[in-house]
PDB file of N, CA and C in Angstrom:
ATOM      1  N   MET A   1       0.840  -1.187   0.000  1.00  0.00           N
ATOM      2  CA  MET A   1       0.000   0.000   0.000  1.00  0.00           C
ATOM      3  C   MET A   1       0.884   1.248   0.000  1.00  0.00           C
ATOM      4  N   LYS A   2       0.779   1.995  -1.054  1.00  0.00           N
ATOM      5  CA  LYS A   2       1.547   3.233  -1.173  1.00  0.00           C
ATOM      6  C   LYS A   2       1.166   4.226  -0.068  1.00  0.00           C
ATOM      7  N   GLU A   3      -0.096   4.223   0.303  1.00  0.00           N
ATOM      8  CA  GLU A   3      -0.574   5.147   1.324  1.00  0.00           C
ATOM      9  C   GLU A   3       0.117   4.917   2.668  1.00  0.00           C
ATOM     10  N   VAL A   4       0.385   3.653   2.988  1.00  0.00           N
ATOM     11  CA  VAL A   4       1.049   3.337   4.255  1.00  0.00           C
ATOM     12  C   VAL A   4       2.471   3.884   4.238  1.00  0.00           C
ATOM     13  N   ARG A   5       3.153   3.707   3.114  1.00  0.00           N
ATOM     14  CA  ARG A   5       4.508   4.256   2.981  1.00  0.00           C
ATOM     15  C   ARG A   5       4.481   5.772   3.158  1.00  0.00           C
ATOM     16  N   ASP A   6       3.494   6.419   2.563  1.00  0.00           N
ATOM     17  CA  ASP A   6       3.364   7.875   2.699  1.00  0.00           C
ATOM     18  C   ASP A   6       3.128   8.280   4.158  1.00  0.00           C
ATOM     19  N   LEU A   7       2.268   7.543   4.865  1.00  0.00           N
ATOM     20  CA  LEU A   7       2.006   7.836   6.282  1.00  0.00           C
ATOM     21  C   LEU A   7       3.280   7.698   7.116  1.00  0.00           C
ATOM     22  N   LEU A   8       4.011   6.623   6.894  1.00  0.00           N
ATOM     23  CA  LEU A   8       5.255   6.408   7.634  1.00  0.00           C
ATOM     24  C   LEU A   8       6.265   7.512   7.344  1.00  0.00           C
ATOM     25  N   ASN A   9       6.436   7.827   6.070  1.00  0.00           N
ATOM     26  CA  ASN A   9       7.399   8.866   5.696  1.00  0.00           C
ATOM     27  C   ASN A   9       7.021  10.225   6.265  1.00  0.00           C
ATOM     28  N   LYS A  10       5.729  10.531   6.276  1.00  0.00           N
ATOM     29  CA  LYS A  10       5.281  11.806   6.830  1.00  0.00           C
ATOM     30  C   LYS A  10       5.581  11.888   8.327  1.00  0.00           C
ATOM     31  N   ALA A  11       5.301  10.822   9.063  1.00  0.00           N
ATOM     32  CA  ALA A  11       5.567  10.811  10.503  1.00  0.00           C
ATOM     33  C   ALA A  11       7.064  10.943  10.777  1.00  0.00           C
ATOM     34  N   ILE A  12       7.872  10.241  10.007  1.00  0.00           N
ATOM     35  CA  ILE A  12       9.324  10.316  10.164  1.00  0.00           C
ATOM     36  C   ILE A  12       9.818  11.730   9.868  1.00  0.00           C
ATOM     37  N   ARG A  13       9.326  12.304   8.792  1.00  0.00           N
ATOM     38  CA  ARG A  13       9.720  13.663   8.395  1.00  0.00           C
ATOM     39  C   ARG A  13       9.339  14.687   9.474  1.00  0.00           C
ATOM     40  N   GLU A  14       8.133  14.565  10.022  1.00  0.00           N
ATOM     41  CA  GLU A  14       7.681  15.488  11.071  1.00  0.00           C
ATOM     42  C   GLU A  14       8.598  15.413  12.295  1.00  0.00           C
ATOM     43  N   LEU A  15       8.959  14.210  12.688  1.00  0.00           N
ATOM     44  CA  LEU A  15       9.839  14.056  13.849  1.00  0.00           C
ATOM     45  C   LEU A  15      11.222  14.644  13.564  1.00  0.00           C
ATOM     46  N   ARG A  16      11.742  14.390  12.379  1.00  0.00           N
ATOM     47  CA  ARG A  16      13.053  14.937  12.018  1.00  0.00           C
ATOM     48  C   ARG A  16      13.020  16.460  11.938  1.00  0.00           C
ATOM     49  N   ASP A  17      11.918  17.015  11.458  1.00  0.00           N
ATOM     50  CA  ASP A  17      11.776  18.474  11.399  1.00  0.00           C
ATOM     51  C   ASP A  17      11.810  19.099  12.789  1.00  0.00           C
ATOM     52  N   GLU A  18      11.429  18.324  13.801  1.00  0.00           N
ATOM     53  CA  GLU A  18      11.446  18.807  15.177  1.00  0.00           C
ATOM     54  C   GLU A  18      12.782  18.524  15.866  1.00  0.00           C
ATOM     55  N   GLY A  19      13.760  18.044  15.094  1.00  0.00           N
ATOM     56  CA  GLY A  19      15.087  17.800  15.641  1.00  0.00           C
ATOM     57  C   GLY A  19      15.265  16.444  16.306  1.00  0.00           C
ATOM     58  N   LEU A  20      14.324  15.545  16.087  1.00  0.00           N
ATOM     59  CA  LEU A  20      14.402  14.213  16.676  1.00  0.00           C
ATOM     60  C   LEU A  20      14.913  13.214  15.638  1.00  0.00           C
ATOM     61  N   GLU A  21      15.363  12.058  16.093  1.00  0.00           N
ATOM     62  CA  GLU A  21      15.833  10.997  15.210  1.00  0.00           C
ATOM     63  C   GLU A  21      15.022   9.737  15.462  1.00  0.00           C
ATOM     64  N   PRO A  22      13.914   9.563  14.749  1.00  0.00           N
ATOM     65  CA  PRO A  22      13.102   8.366  14.956  1.00  0.00           C
ATOM     66  C   PRO A  22      13.915   7.109  14.635  1.00  0.00           C
ATOM     67  N   ASP A  23      13.794   6.104  15.515  1.00  0.00           N
ATOM     68  CA  ASP A  23      14.566   4.886  15.312  1.00  0.00           C
ATOM     69  C   ASP A  23      13.814   3.600  15.672  1.00  0.00           C
ATOM     70  N   ILE A  24      12.576   3.733  16.167  1.00  0.00           N
ATOM     71  CA  ILE A  24      11.797   2.536  16.478  1.00  0.00           C
ATOM     72  C   ILE A  24      10.365   2.671  15.962  1.00  0.00           C
ATOM     73  N   LEU A  25       9.772   1.521  15.728  1.00  0.00           N
ATOM     74  CA  LEU A  25       8.362   1.440  15.344  1.00  0.00           C
ATOM     75  C   LEU A  25       7.685   0.449  16.281  1.00  0.00           C
ATOM     76  N   LEU A  26       6.609   0.887  16.902  1.00  0.00           N
ATOM     77  CA  LEU A  26       5.759   0.009  17.691  1.00  0.00           C
ATOM     78  C   LEU A  26       4.540  -0.252  16.819  1.00  0.00           C
ATOM     79  N   VAL A  27       4.273  -1.495  16.475  1.00  0.00           N
ATOM     80  CA  VAL A  27       3.219  -1.791  15.505  1.00  0.00           C
ATOM     81  C   VAL A  27       2.232  -2.814  16.044  1.00  0.00           C
ATOM     82  N   GLY A  28       0.976  -2.601  15.685  1.00  0.00           N
ATOM     83  CA  GLY A  28      -0.066  -3.551  16.030  1.00  0.00           C
ATOM     84  C   GLY A  28      -0.116  -4.674  15.010  1.00  0.00           C
ATOM     85  N   PRO A  29      -0.698  -5.809  15.365  1.00  0.00           N
ATOM     86  CA  PRO A  29      -0.750  -6.960  14.457  1.00  0.00           C
ATOM     87  C   PRO A  29      -1.510  -6.685  13.155  1.00  0.00           C
ATOM     88  N   LYS A  30      -2.575  -5.918  13.218  1.00  0.00           N
ATOM     89  CA  LYS A  30      -3.328  -5.598  12.000  1.00  0.00           C
ATOM     90  C   LYS A  30      -2.555  -4.620  11.116  1.00  0.00           C
ATOM     91  N   PHE A  31      -1.785  -3.736  11.712  1.00  0.00           N
ATOM     92  CA  PHE A  31      -0.939  -2.824  10.941  1.00  0.00           C
ATOM     93  C   PHE A  31       0.094  -3.639  10.168  1.00  0.00           C
ATOM     94  N   ILE A  32       0.659  -4.643  10.812  1.00  0.00           N
ATOM     95  CA  ILE A  32       1.661  -5.490  10.160  1.00  0.00           C
ATOM     96  C   ILE A  32       1.081  -6.153   8.916  1.00  0.00           C
ATOM     97  N   GLU A  33      -0.154  -6.635   8.999  1.00  0.00           N
ATOM     98  CA  GLU A  33      -0.800  -7.304   7.864  1.00  0.00           C
ATOM     99  C   GLU A  33      -0.809  -6.434   6.613  1.00  0.00           C
ATOM    100  N   TYR A  34      -1.049  -5.151   6.788  1.00  0.00           N
ATOM    101  CA  TYR A  34      -1.195  -4.246   5.650  1.00  0.00           C
ATOM    102  C   TYR A  34       0.083  -3.499   5.300  1.00  0.00           C
ATOM    103  N   ALA A  35       1.105  -3.598   6.133  1.00  0.00           N
ATOM    104  CA  ALA A  35       2.317  -2.811   5.894  1.00  0.00           C
ATOM    105  C   ALA A  35       3.578  -3.671   5.904  1.00  0.00           C
ATOM    106  N   VAL A  36       3.436  -4.959   5.666  1.00  0.00           N
ATOM    107  CA  VAL A  36       4.580  -5.855   5.781  1.00  0.00           C
ATOM    108  C   VAL A  36       5.727  -5.445   4.848  1.00  0.00           C
ATOM    109  N   GLU A  37       5.440  -5.045   3.625  1.00  0.00           N
ATOM    110  CA  GLU A  37       6.495  -4.638   2.685  1.00  0.00           C
ATOM    111  C   GLU A  37       7.230  -3.396   3.173  1.00  0.00           C
ATOM    112  N   GLN A  38       6.492  -2.412   3.640  1.00  0.00           N
ATOM    113  CA  GLN A  38       7.108  -1.183   4.134  1.00  0.00           C
ATOM    114  C   GLN A  38       7.950  -1.458   5.374  1.00  0.00           C
ATOM    115  N   LEU A  39       7.496  -2.371   6.203  1.00  0.00           N
ATOM    116  CA  LEU A  39       8.244  -2.704   7.412  1.00  0.00           C
ATOM    117  C   LEU A  39       9.536  -3.439   7.074  1.00  0.00           C
ATOM    118  N   ARG A  40       9.507  -4.248   6.029  1.00  0.00           N
ATOM    119  CA  ARG A  40      10.727  -4.937   5.596  1.00  0.00           C
ATOM    120  C   ARG A  40      11.775  -3.950   5.102  1.00  0.00           C
ATOM    121  N   GLU A  41      11.328  -2.892   4.444  1.00  0.00           N
ATOM    122  CA  GLU A  41      12.238  -1.877   3.912  1.00  0.00           C
ATOM    123  C   GLU A  41      12.763  -0.948   5.003  1.00  0.00           C
ATOM    124  N   CYS A  42      12.043  -0.851   6.089  1.00  0.00           N
ATOM    125  CA  CYS A  42      12.369   0.071   7.161  1.00  0.00           C
ATOM    126  C   CYS A  42      13.609  -0.402   7.916  1.00  0.00           C
ATOM    127  N   ARG A  43      14.445   0.536   8.287  1.00  0.00           N
ATOM    128  CA  ARG A  43      15.663   0.193   9.020  1.00  0.00           C
ATOM    129  C   ARG A  43      15.533   0.464  10.525  1.00  0.00           C
ATOM    130  N   PHE A  44      14.324   0.641  10.991  1.00  0.00           N
ATOM    131  CA  PHE A  44      14.069   0.881  12.410  1.00  0.00           C
ATOM    132  C   PHE A  44      13.931  -0.448  13.146  1.00  0.00           C
ATOM    133  N   LYS A  45      14.111  -0.403  14.459  1.00  0.00           N
ATOM    134  CA  LYS A  45      13.774  -1.552  15.285  1.00  0.00           C
ATOM    135  C   LYS A  45      12.258  -1.598  15.358  1.00  0.00           C
ATOM    136  N   ILE A  46      11.706  -2.788  15.210  1.00  0.00           N
ATOM    137  CA  ILE A  46      10.252  -2.940  15.169  1.00  0.00           C
ATOM    138  C   ILE A  46       9.810  -3.843  16.315  1.00  0.00           C
ATOM    139  N   TYR A  47       8.802  -3.362  17.061  1.00  0.00           N
ATOM    140  CA  TYR A  47       8.248  -4.118  18.176  1.00  0.00           C
ATOM    141  C   TYR A  47       6.749  -4.285  17.951  1.00  0.00           C
ATOM    142  N   LYS A  48       6.286  -5.526  18.046  1.00  0.00           N
ATOM    143  CA  LYS A  48       4.857  -5.807  17.895  1.00  0.00           C
ATOM    144  C   LYS A  48       4.170  -5.621  19.245  1.00  0.00           C
ATOM    145  N   ILE A  49       3.141  -4.774  19.249  1.00  0.00           N
ATOM    146  CA  ILE A  49       2.366  -4.495  20.459  1.00  0.00           C
ATOM    147  C   ILE A  49       0.903  -4.831  20.150  1.00  0.00           C
ATOM    148  N   GLU A  50       0.401  -5.883  20.753  1.00  0.00           N
ATOM    149  CA  GLU A  50      -0.959  -6.357  20.477  1.00  0.00           C
ATOM    150  C   GLU A  50      -2.009  -5.266  20.618  1.00  0.00           C
ATOM    151  N   GLU A  51      -1.880  -4.435  21.633  1.00  0.00           N
ATOM    152  CA  GLU A  51      -2.892  -3.422  21.932  1.00  0.00           C
ATOM    153  C   GLU A  51      -3.011  -2.336  20.867  1.00  0.00           C
ATOM    154  N   LEU A  52      -2.032  -2.213  19.993  1.00  0.00           N
ATOM    155  CA  LEU A  52      -2.094  -1.163  18.969  1.00  0.00           C
ATOM    156  C   LEU A  52      -3.026  -1.503  17.811  1.00  0.00           C
ATOM    157  N   GLY A  53      -3.357  -2.761  17.603  1.00  0.00           N
ATOM    158  CA  GLY A  53      -4.311  -3.147  16.563  1.00  0.00           C
ATOM    159  C   GLY A  53      -3.900  -2.686  15.179  1.00  0.00           C
ATOM    160  N   TYR A  54      -4.647  -1.732  14.607  1.00  0.00           N
ATOM    161  CA  TYR A  54      -4.393  -1.209  13.262  1.00  0.00           C
ATOM    162  C   TYR A  54      -3.411  -0.031  13.273  1.00  0.00           C
ATOM    163  N   ASP A  55      -2.863   0.297  14.420  1.00  0.00           N
ATOM    164  CA  ASP A  55      -2.019   1.483  14.565  1.00  0.00           C
ATOM    165  C   ASP A  55      -0.542   1.139  14.670  1.00  0.00           C
ATOM    166  N   ALA A  56       0.267   2.174  14.496  1.00  0.00           N
ATOM    167  CA  ALA A  56       1.712   2.076  14.706  1.00  0.00           C
ATOM    168  C   ALA A  56       2.185   3.393  15.309  1.00  0.00           C
ATOM    169  N   VAL A  57       3.290   3.329  16.025  1.00  0.00           N
ATOM    170  CA  VAL A  57       3.888   4.517  16.619  1.00  0.00           C
ATOM    171  C   VAL A  57       5.327   4.602  16.128  1.00  0.00           C
ATOM    172  N   VAL A  58       5.652   5.717  15.497  1.00  0.00           N
ATOM    173  CA  VAL A  58       7.023   6.004  15.071  1.00  0.00           C
ATOM    174  C   VAL A  58       7.619   6.866  16.167  1.00  0.00           C
ATOM    175  N   ALA A  59       8.812   6.495  16.667  1.00  0.00           N
ATOM    176  CA  ALA A  59       9.342   7.226  17.811  1.00  0.00           C
ATOM    177  C   ALA A  59      10.861   7.319  17.815  1.00  0.00           C
ATOM    178  N   ASP A  60      11.316   8.312  18.557  1.00  0.00           N
ATOM    179  CA  ASP A  60      12.733   8.461  18.880  1.00  0.00           C
ATOM    180  C   ASP A  60      12.905   7.825  20.249  1.00  0.00           C
ATOM    181  N   SER A  61      13.576   6.692  20.298  1.00  0.00           N
ATOM    182  CA  SER A  61      13.679   5.941  21.551  1.00  0.00           C
ATOM    183  C   SER A  61      14.426   6.709  22.641  1.00  0.00           C
ATOM    184  N   SER A  62      15.255   7.652  22.270  1.00  0.00           N
ATOM    185  CA  SER A  62      15.998   8.438  23.261  1.00  0.00           C
ATOM    186  C   SER A  62      15.083   9.304  24.109  1.00  0.00           C
ATOM    187  N   TYR A  63      13.955   9.718  23.529  1.00  0.00           N
ATOM    188  CA  TYR A  63      13.060  10.646  24.219  1.00  0.00           C
ATOM    189  C   TYR A  63      11.684  10.064  24.499  1.00  0.00           C
ATOM    190  N   LEU A  64      11.427   8.850  24.069  1.00  0.00           N
ATOM    191  CA  LEU A  64      10.117   8.229  24.251  1.00  0.00           C
ATOM    192  C   LEU A  64       9.780   8.145  25.735  1.00  0.00           C
ATOM    193  N   GLY A  65       8.629   8.646  26.097  1.00  0.00           N
ATOM    194  CA  GLY A  65       8.188   8.664  27.483  1.00  0.00           C
ATOM    195  C   GLY A  65       8.633   9.900  28.242  1.00  0.00           C
ATOM    196  N   GLN A  66       9.557  10.656  27.673  1.00  0.00           N
ATOM    197  CA  GLN A  66      10.044  11.867  28.325  1.00  0.00           C
ATOM    198  C   GLN A  66       9.462  13.119  27.697  1.00  0.00           C
ATOM    199  N   VAL A  67       9.327  13.079  26.381  1.00  0.00           N
ATOM    200  CA  VAL A  67       8.845  14.233  25.630  1.00  0.00           C
ATOM    201  C   VAL A  67       7.637  13.783  24.812  1.00  0.00           C
ATOM    202  N   LYS A  68       6.521  14.457  24.978  1.00  0.00           N
ATOM    203  CA  LYS A  68       5.285  14.060  24.300  1.00  0.00           C
ATOM    204  C   LYS A  68       5.434  14.053  22.778  1.00  0.00           C
ATOM    205  N   ARG A  69       6.169  14.978  22.247  1.00  0.00           N
ATOM    206  CA  ARG A  69       6.300  15.095  20.796  1.00  0.00           C
ATOM    207  C   ARG A  69       7.350  14.148  20.206  1.00  0.00           C
ATOM    208  N   ALA A  70       7.869  13.207  20.986  1.00  0.00           N
ATOM    209  CA  ALA A  70       8.909  12.286  20.525  1.00  0.00           C
ATOM    210  C   ALA A  70       8.353  11.134  19.705  1.00  0.00           C
ATOM    211  N   SER A  71       7.044  11.123  19.467  1.00  0.00           N
ATOM    212  CA  SER A  71       6.453  10.037  18.693  1.00  0.00           C
ATOM    213  C   SER A  71       5.253  10.531  17.890  1.00  0.00           C
ATOM    214  N   ARG A  72       4.909   9.744  16.881  1.00  0.00           N
ATOM    215  CA  ARG A  72       3.719  10.003  16.069  1.00  0.00           C
ATOM    216  C   ARG A  72       2.966   8.690  15.917  1.00  0.00           C
ATOM    217  N   ARG A  73       1.661   8.734  16.148  1.00  0.00           N
ATOM    218  CA  ARG A  73       0.825   7.542  15.982  1.00  0.00           C
ATOM    219  C   ARG A  73       0.105   7.630  14.648  1.00  0.00           C
ATOM    220  N   ILE A  74       0.147   6.540  13.904  1.00  0.00           N
ATOM    221  CA  ILE A  74      -0.533   6.484  12.613  1.00  0.00           C
ATOM    222  C   ILE A  74      -1.402   5.229  12.578  1.00  0.00           C
ATOM    223  N   SER A  75      -2.352   5.204  11.657  1.00  0.00           N
ATOM    224  CA  SER A  75      -3.271   4.070  11.573  1.00  0.00           C
ATOM    225  C   SER A  75      -3.591   3.742  10.121  1.00  0.00           C
ATOM    226  N   VAL A  76      -3.733   2.441   9.835  1.00  0.00           N
ATOM    227  CA  VAL A  76      -4.151   2.023   8.493  1.00  0.00           C
ATOM    228  C   VAL A  76      -5.664   1.865   8.406  1.00  0.00           C
ATOM    229  N   GLU A  77      -6.346   1.895   9.539  1.00  0.00           N
ATOM    230  CA  GLU A  77      -7.794   1.676   9.541  1.00  0.00           C
ATOM    231  C   GLU A  77      -8.566   2.669   8.659  1.00  0.00           C
ATOM    232  N   PRO A  78      -8.289   3.979   8.731  1.00  0.00           N
ATOM    233  CA  PRO A  78      -9.012   4.897   7.835  1.00  0.00           C
ATOM    234  C   PRO A  78      -8.756   4.601   6.354  1.00  0.00           C
ATOM    235  N   LEU A  79      -7.561   4.142   6.029  1.00  0.00           N
ATOM    236  CA  LEU A  79      -7.260   3.793   4.640  1.00  0.00           C
ATOM    237  C   LEU A  79      -8.081   2.592   4.186  1.00  0.00           C
ATOM    238  N   LEU A  80      -8.248   1.625   5.064  1.00  0.00           N
ATOM    239  CA  LEU A  80      -9.031   0.441   4.731  1.00  0.00           C
ATOM    240  C   LEU A  80     -10.493   0.798   4.514  1.00  0.00           C
ATOM    241  N   VAL A  81     -11.027   1.659   5.362  1.00  0.00           N
ATOM    242  CA  VAL A  81     -12.416   2.100   5.226  1.00  0.00           C
ATOM    243  C   VAL A  81     -12.595   2.827   3.899  1.00  0.00           C
ATOM    244  N   GLU A  82     -11.643   3.700   3.563  1.00  0.00           N
ATOM    245  CA  GLU A  82     -11.725   4.444   2.310  1.00  0.00           C
ATOM    246  C   GLU A  82     -11.653   3.495   1.111  1.00  0.00           C
ATOM    247  N   ASN A  83     -10.743   2.527   1.154  1.00  0.00           N
ATOM    248  CA  ASN A  83     -10.626   1.566   0.049  1.00  0.00           C
ATOM    249  C   ASN A  83     -11.897   0.747  -0.115  1.00  0.00           C
ATOM    250  N   GLU A  84     -12.506   0.348   0.999  1.00  0.00           N
ATOM    251  CA  GLU A  84     -13.767  -0.390   0.939  1.00  0.00           C
ATOM    252  C   GLU A  84     -14.865   0.458   0.304  1.00  0.00           C
ATOM    253  N   MET A  85     -14.903   1.738   0.647  1.00  0.00           N
ATOM    254  CA  MET A  85     -15.899   2.635   0.083  1.00  0.00           C
ATOM    255  C   MET A  85     -15.736   2.726  -1.435  1.00  0.00           C
ATOM    256  N   TRP A  86     -14.493   2.880  -1.906  1.00  0.00           N
ATOM    257  CA  TRP A  86     -14.245   2.977  -3.343  1.00  0.00           C
ATOM    258  C   TRP A  86     -14.605   1.676  -4.054  1.00  0.00           C
ATOM    259  N   GLU A  87     -14.367   0.558  -3.412  1.00  0.00           N
ATOM    260  CA  GLU A  87     -14.753  -0.746  -4.002  1.00  0.00           C
ATOM    261  C   GLU A  87     -16.272  -0.839  -4.157  1.00  0.00           C
ATOM    262  N   GLU A  88     -17.015  -0.368  -3.158  1.00  0.00           N
ATOM    263  CA  GLU A  88     -18.465  -0.377  -3.239  1.00  0.00           C
ATOM    264  C   GLU A  88     -18.959   0.539  -4.364  1.00  0.00           C
ATOM    265  N   ILE A  89     -18.315   1.687  -4.512  1.00  0.00           N
ATOM    266  CA  ILE A  89     -18.690   2.619  -5.580  1.00  0.00           C
ATOM    267  C   ILE A  89     -18.430   1.988  -6.949  1.00  0.00           C
ATOM    268  N   ARG A  90     -17.301   1.308  -7.089  1.00  0.00           N
ATOM    269  CA  ARG A  90     -16.991   0.637  -8.368  1.00  0.00           C
ATOM    270  C   ARG A  90     -18.020  -0.434  -8.695  1.00  0.00           C
ATOM    271  N   LYS A  91     -18.481  -1.125  -7.661  1.00  0.00           N
ATOM    272  CA  LYS A  91     -19.461  -2.204  -7.855  1.00  0.00           C
ATOM    273  C   LYS A  91     -20.806  -1.668  -8.338  1.00  0.00           C
ATOM    274  N   LEU A  92     -21.086  -0.407  -8.021  1.00  0.00           N
ATOM    275  CA  LEU A  92     -22.361   0.188  -8.442  1.00  0.00           C
ATOM    276  C   LEU A  92     -22.438   0.352  -9.948  1.00  0.00           C
ATOM    277  N   ASP A  93     -21.295   0.462 -10.586  1.00  0.00           N
ATOM    278  CA  ASP A  93     -21.214   0.573 -12.047  1.00  0.00           C
ATOM    279  C   ASP A  93     -22.110   1.702 -12.570  1.00  0.00           C
ATOM    280  N   VAL A  94     -21.895   2.868 -12.002  1.00  0.00           N
ATOM    281  CA  VAL A  94     -22.699   4.037 -12.366  1.00  0.00           C
ATOM    282  C   VAL A  94     -22.189   4.666 -13.628  1.00  0.00           C
TER     283      VAL A  94
END
């Protein structure tokens, strides 16, 4: 999913713009299902966290838990809902 790559890159870019160095990803099991290719390409340490579900957290491990802005949470769930909507529209054959 190109959209997942874009979400990850945006979160990484935002953290770097704030002077942080993101180096870990905390990912839910459902996020892994839809982002496995992007995660393989990623050079971050990746930790699976069951409670995150469809979400992932990109973070700078040096500041995680100390500074609120040291991480960004992203989700694939809105993308899945949008894709389902477009599939339904295509099926209508209007």
